[in-house]
Every structure is written in C-alpha cells, then in structure tokens.
Amino acid sequence: MVHYKLQYFSFRGFGEPIRLLFHYVGQNFEDEIINMENWPAYKPKTPYGHLPILFIDGKALPESRSIARFIAKEHNFAGSDNYESERLNSIVDFLMDFFLNVFPYILAKNGFKTYQDFLNGKISNDLNEIAEKLYNELWVPNSQHDLPILEKLLKESETGFFGKAGVTWVDFYVAELINTVEGVEPETLNKYLEVINFKRRVYELPKIKDYVETRRKSPI
C-alpha cells in the first residue's frame, strides 16, 4: 500500500485543498505539521524552499497544484478529457492570480506586514492606514473584476461545481479561496450568491463535512 505524507504548516493556506482532496477520495495520509520554530532549519532541505510537499513512498512531490493534480489523476477526477482537464487547470491558475494580487491586503487586514510575519505570528497594530490603501488599490479592482468571472464559470458548468461532470479537484481550491475571502471581506460576496452557495455545497459533501467542521481554524 502506498504511503502518503503531506508536509505543511498548521494553517489552511495551500495545503488545505490537498487535505480536502485526501478526505474526499478516502485516502489515508500522514498530515505532518511543520512548526514555525523548526521551519528555518528545515527550509533548505526542501526542493524549492517552501511547502507543501507530498511524499509518496518517500519520493518528494512539491508544489500545491502539482500535488492536487497528481491526487486527482490517481483517482480519476481531474477532468473527463484533455480539454476539460486543461480548462480546469486554467480556472485554478486564474484563481491563483487573484489570490496573489490581493494577498498583501489580506495580510494587512489580519495585522501582518509580511508573509514572514504571518508565519511567525507577529501581529502589528498600526496597519489600518496601509490596509485601507491596499483595499482600494488591490482588493476592490481585483474582486470586482475576477469574482463575476468566477461566478460565470460556475454557472456555465451547469453542475453546481466547476467540472462539466461534477466534483473535481478544482472545487476544493475555489472553496478554500472563497472561505478566505468571506473571512476577510464578507460583504464583498453579497453580490455573488452563486459563489457563496457553491462553497457551502462543497463543504457539505458527505466525505469532507465532518473534517471541515472539526479542522483547525485559520484566517488564511
């Protein structure tokens, strides 16, 4: 039997869609949490200097999306054909562009100047002015442009999920992003009820519902 070990931090981040995937497909895996105090010493030992990493019988596979696609292909829900598979890949690429564009605001809104401060749990109390500036410069234009596109893609699938045939690995990425958006600026989603309902639909899937309800809480 193949042994899977996922290495990531305790927060949701880029590791959580992978955790959801494993629970959805019913695959046992070792969820190894890397503590912040151990990260500086461990970082140089990783393939690319960041997490997550999935070990498959000891063989390392880095990069969150590569890991997710691997799991999806192993369990036949990466898309019904090559076109559908790449269409789904493009949705996650689009999603990641949005996330990276607004990430400085998400950090500031939660009291962190940098990603490293977030990793270290170093909260600053003087970021209100910076957060307001980033809200207007980053959050507003990107959310107003990208969230309607996301909702349009969801409606076009006609399945309630982003795949033409139902649930795929992409849905877990989108649901996690929407969860983060809802935690940062819940009013932003008021215009996009289809997106809100989609997140609920994913989190209520019987195979992951119990995990979602009992997992560690994290703003990101």
Protein backbone atom coordinates (compact mmCIF):
# COMPACT_ATOMS: atom_id res chain seq x y z
CA MET A 1 0.00 0.00 0.00
CA VAL A 2 1.29 3.45 -0.94
CA HIS A 3 2.18 5.72 1.98
CA TYR A 4 1.35 9.41 1.57
CA LYS A 5 2.82 12.04 3.86
CA LEU A 6 1.83 15.69 3.47
CA GLN A 7 4.10 18.32 4.99
CA TYR A 8 2.64 21.75 5.59
CA PHE A 9 2.06 24.35 8.28
CA SER A 10 -0.87 24.28 10.72
CA PHE A 11 -2.93 26.88 8.84
CA ARG A 12 -5.11 26.21 5.77
CA GLY A 13 -3.18 28.01 3.01
CA PHE A 14 -2.01 25.98 0.03
CA GLY A 15 -2.09 22.75 1.99
CA GLU A 16 -5.78 22.69 2.79
CA PRO A 17 -7.13 21.84 -0.69
CA ILE A 18 -4.84 18.80 -0.60
CA ARG A 19 -6.16 17.76 2.80
CA LEU A 20 -9.71 18.11 1.48
CA LEU A 21 -8.84 16.04 -1.58
CA PHE A 22 -7.45 13.20 0.51
CA HIS A 23 -10.55 13.17 2.69
CA TYR A 24 -12.83 13.30 -0.35
CA VAL A 25 -11.23 10.32 -2.08
CA GLY A 26 -10.99 8.39 1.19
CA GLN A 27 -7.22 8.11 1.05
CA ASN A 28 -5.35 7.72 4.34
CA PHE A 29 -2.40 10.09 4.64
CA GLU A 30 0.02 11.35 7.24
CA ASP A 31 -0.57 15.04 7.91
CA GLU A 32 2.80 16.24 9.22
CA ILE A 33 2.64 19.76 10.64
CA ILE A 34 5.87 21.74 10.34
CA ASN A 35 6.23 24.05 13.34
CA MET A 36 7.42 27.59 12.78
CA GLU A 37 10.36 27.20 15.14
CA ASN A 38 11.63 24.29 13.05
CA TRP A 39 10.96 25.84 9.65
CA PRO A 40 14.17 27.94 9.20
CA ALA A 41 16.35 24.85 9.71
CA TYR A 42 14.14 22.62 7.57
CA LYS A 43 13.56 25.08 4.70
CA PRO A 44 16.97 24.50 2.96
CA LYS A 45 16.23 20.77 2.90
CA THR A 46 13.06 21.20 0.81
CA PRO A 47 13.14 21.01 -3.02
CA TYR A 48 12.09 24.63 -3.64
CA GLY A 49 12.32 26.25 -0.22
CA HIS A 50 8.61 26.20 0.55
CA LEU A 51 5.68 23.95 1.41
CA PRO A 52 3.56 21.92 0.84
CA ILE A 53 5.40 18.75 -0.10
CA LEU A 54 3.79 15.37 -0.62
CA PHE A 55 5.93 12.30 -0.02
CA ILE A 56 4.78 9.25 -1.99
CA ASP A 57 6.55 6.24 -0.53
CA GLY A 58 9.37 8.63 0.32
CA LYS A 59 9.53 10.37 -3.07
CA ALA A 60 9.01 14.13 -2.74
CA LEU A 61 6.49 15.99 -4.89
CA PRO A 62 6.47 19.76 -4.20
CA GLU A 63 4.04 22.50 -5.28
CA SER A 64 0.42 22.58 -4.17
CA ARG A 65 -1.23 22.43 -7.59
CA SER A 66 1.06 19.67 -8.83
CA ILE A 67 0.19 17.63 -5.75
CA ALA A 68 -3.53 18.22 -6.23
CA ARG A 69 -3.40 17.25 -9.91
CA PHE A 70 -1.47 14.11 -9.02
CA ILE A 71 -4.11 13.03 -6.49
CA ALA A 72 -6.92 13.90 -8.90
CA LYS A 73 -5.36 11.86 -11.71
CA GLU A 74 -4.77 8.93 -9.39
CA HIS A 75 -8.48 8.94 -8.53
CA ASN A 76 -9.89 9.89 -11.95
CA PHE A 77 -11.43 13.27 -11.22
CA ALA A 78 -9.03 15.61 -12.97
CA GLY A 79 -11.39 16.15 -15.91
CA SER A 80 -13.21 13.92 -18.40
CA ASP A 81 -10.74 14.56 -21.25
CA ASN A 82 -7.61 16.57 -22.01
CA TYR A 83 -9.53 19.73 -22.88
CA GLU A 84 -11.62 19.59 -19.71
CA SER A 85 -8.51 18.88 -17.66
CA GLU A 86 -6.71 21.94 -19.01
CA ARG A 87 -9.84 24.09 -18.70
CA LEU A 88 -9.95 23.20 -15.02
CA ASN A 89 -6.23 23.94 -14.68
CA SER A 90 -6.84 27.38 -16.17
CA ILE A 91 -9.51 28.12 -13.56
CA VAL A 92 -7.07 27.43 -10.74
CA ASP A 93 -4.36 29.49 -12.48
CA PHE A 94 -6.85 32.36 -12.76
CA LEU A 95 -7.77 31.90 -9.12
CA MET A 96 -4.15 31.99 -8.01
CA ASP A 97 -3.57 35.22 -9.94
CA PHE A 98 -6.45 36.78 -8.00
CA PHE A 99 -5.15 35.48 -4.67
CA LEU A 100 -1.60 36.70 -5.23
CA ASN A 101 -2.86 40.10 -6.38
CA VAL A 102 -4.88 40.66 -3.19
CA PHE A 103 -2.63 38.81 -0.74
CA PRO A 104 -0.87 41.97 0.55
CA TYR A 105 -4.28 43.31 1.57
CA ILE A 106 -5.30 40.02 3.22
CA LEU A 107 -2.11 40.12 5.29
CA ALA A 108 -2.56 43.76 6.30
CA LYS A 109 -6.23 43.25 7.17
CA ASN A 110 -5.22 40.45 9.53
CA GLY A 111 -2.47 42.58 11.10
CA PHE A 112 0.60 41.25 9.28
CA LYS A 113 3.11 43.40 7.40
CA THR A 114 4.67 40.48 5.54
CA TYR A 115 4.09 36.79 4.91
CA GLN A 116 7.03 36.05 7.20
CA ASP A 117 5.30 37.98 9.98
CA PHE A 118 2.24 35.80 9.39
CA LEU A 119 4.35 32.63 9.64
CA ASN A 120 5.88 33.94 12.86
CA GLY A 121 2.56 35.14 14.28
CA LYS A 122 3.94 38.68 14.57
CA ILE A 123 0.91 40.98 14.60
CA SER A 124 1.23 44.74 14.08
CA ASN A 125 -1.38 47.17 15.36
CA ASP A 126 -0.51 50.10 13.10
CA LEU A 127 -1.66 48.78 9.71
CA ASN A 128 -5.11 50.37 9.42
CA GLU A 129 -3.95 53.09 7.03
CA ILE A 130 -1.96 50.64 4.92
CA ALA A 131 -4.87 48.19 4.86
CA GLU A 132 -7.27 50.90 3.70
CA LYS A 133 -4.87 51.89 0.91
CA LEU A 134 -4.44 48.28 -0.22
CA TYR A 135 -8.18 47.73 -0.03
CA ASN A 136 -8.76 50.49 -2.57
CA GLU A 137 -5.75 49.71 -4.74
CA LEU A 138 -5.85 45.90 -4.73
CA TRP A 139 -8.96 44.39 -3.23
CA VAL A 140 -11.67 46.47 -4.88
CA PRO A 141 -10.46 46.34 -8.52
CA ASN A 142 -9.41 42.69 -8.41
CA SER A 143 -12.51 41.39 -6.67
CA GLN A 144 -14.82 43.43 -8.90
CA HIS A 145 -13.11 42.06 -12.00
CA ASP A 146 -12.45 38.44 -11.00
CA LEU A 147 -15.39 37.33 -8.86
CA PRO A 148 -18.00 37.90 -11.61
CA ILE A 149 -15.85 35.77 -13.93
CA LEU A 150 -15.68 33.04 -11.30
CA GLU A 151 -19.45 33.10 -10.92
CA LYS A 152 -19.90 32.99 -14.70
CA LEU A 153 -17.68 29.92 -14.97
CA LEU A 154 -19.67 28.22 -12.22
CA LYS A 155 -22.99 28.89 -13.94
CA GLU A 156 -21.67 27.68 -17.29
CA SER A 157 -20.80 24.25 -15.91
CA GLU A 158 -24.48 23.56 -15.05
CA THR A 159 -23.45 21.01 -12.41
CA GLY A 160 -23.18 23.20 -9.31
CA PHE A 161 -19.42 22.65 -9.46
CA PHE A 162 -16.72 23.80 -11.89
CA GLY A 163 -16.38 20.48 -13.69
CA LYS A 164 -18.78 19.65 -16.50
CA ALA A 165 -19.34 16.22 -14.95
CA GLY A 166 -19.42 17.25 -11.29
CA VAL A 167 -16.86 17.45 -8.48
CA THR A 168 -13.18 17.82 -9.39
CA TRP A 169 -10.06 18.86 -7.51
CA VAL A 170 -10.61 22.46 -8.62
CA ASP A 171 -13.70 22.82 -6.44
CA PHE A 172 -11.64 22.42 -3.29
CA TYR A 173 -9.26 25.19 -4.34
CA VAL A 174 -12.10 27.57 -5.15
CA ALA A 175 -13.99 26.76 -1.94
CA GLU A 176 -10.90 27.47 0.14
CA LEU A 177 -10.32 30.80 -1.59
CA ILE A 178 -13.96 31.80 -1.09
CA ASN A 179 -13.65 30.84 2.56
CA THR A 180 -10.68 33.21 2.88
CA VAL A 181 -12.48 35.99 1.00
CA GLU A 182 -15.52 35.56 3.23
CA GLY A 183 -13.35 35.81 6.31
CA VAL A 184 -11.59 38.97 5.12
CA GLU A 185 -14.41 40.91 3.45
CA PRO A 186 -17.75 39.07 3.81
CA GLU A 187 -19.70 41.95 2.26
CA THR A 188 -17.75 41.50 -0.97
CA LEU A 189 -19.57 38.22 -1.59
CA ASN A 190 -23.06 39.63 -1.08
CA LYS A 191 -23.35 40.17 -4.84
CA TYR A 192 -22.30 36.64 -5.65
CA LEU A 193 -24.80 34.29 -4.05
CA GLU A 194 -23.94 31.50 -6.50
CA VAL A 195 -20.37 31.59 -5.23
CA ILE A 196 -21.44 31.54 -1.57
CA ASN A 197 -23.80 28.63 -2.21
CA PHE A 198 -21.04 26.82 -4.08
CA LYS A 199 -18.73 26.99 -1.06
CA ARG A 200 -21.47 25.62 1.19
CA ARG A 201 -22.18 22.86 -1.31
CA VAL A 202 -18.53 21.78 -1.33
CA TYR A 203 -18.16 21.90 2.45
CA GLU A 204 -21.33 19.84 2.86
CA LEU A 205 -20.10 16.99 0.67
CA PRO A 206 -20.56 13.93 2.92
CA LYS A 207 -16.96 12.79 2.53
CA ILE A 208 -15.47 16.03 3.89
CA LYS A 209 -18.23 17.55 6.03
CA ASP A 210 -17.02 16.11 9.33
CA TYR A 211 -13.44 17.15 8.64
CA VAL A 212 -14.43 20.72 7.74
CA GLU A 213 -16.46 21.06 10.93
CA THR A 214 -13.63 19.87 13.20
CA ARG A 215 -10.47 21.12 11.47
CA ARG A 216 -8.11 23.76 12.83
CA LYS A 217 -9.38 27.32 12.43
CA SER A 218 -7.27 29.70 10.36
CA PRO A 219 -7.92 33.08 8.68
CA ILE A 220 -5.83 32.03 5.67
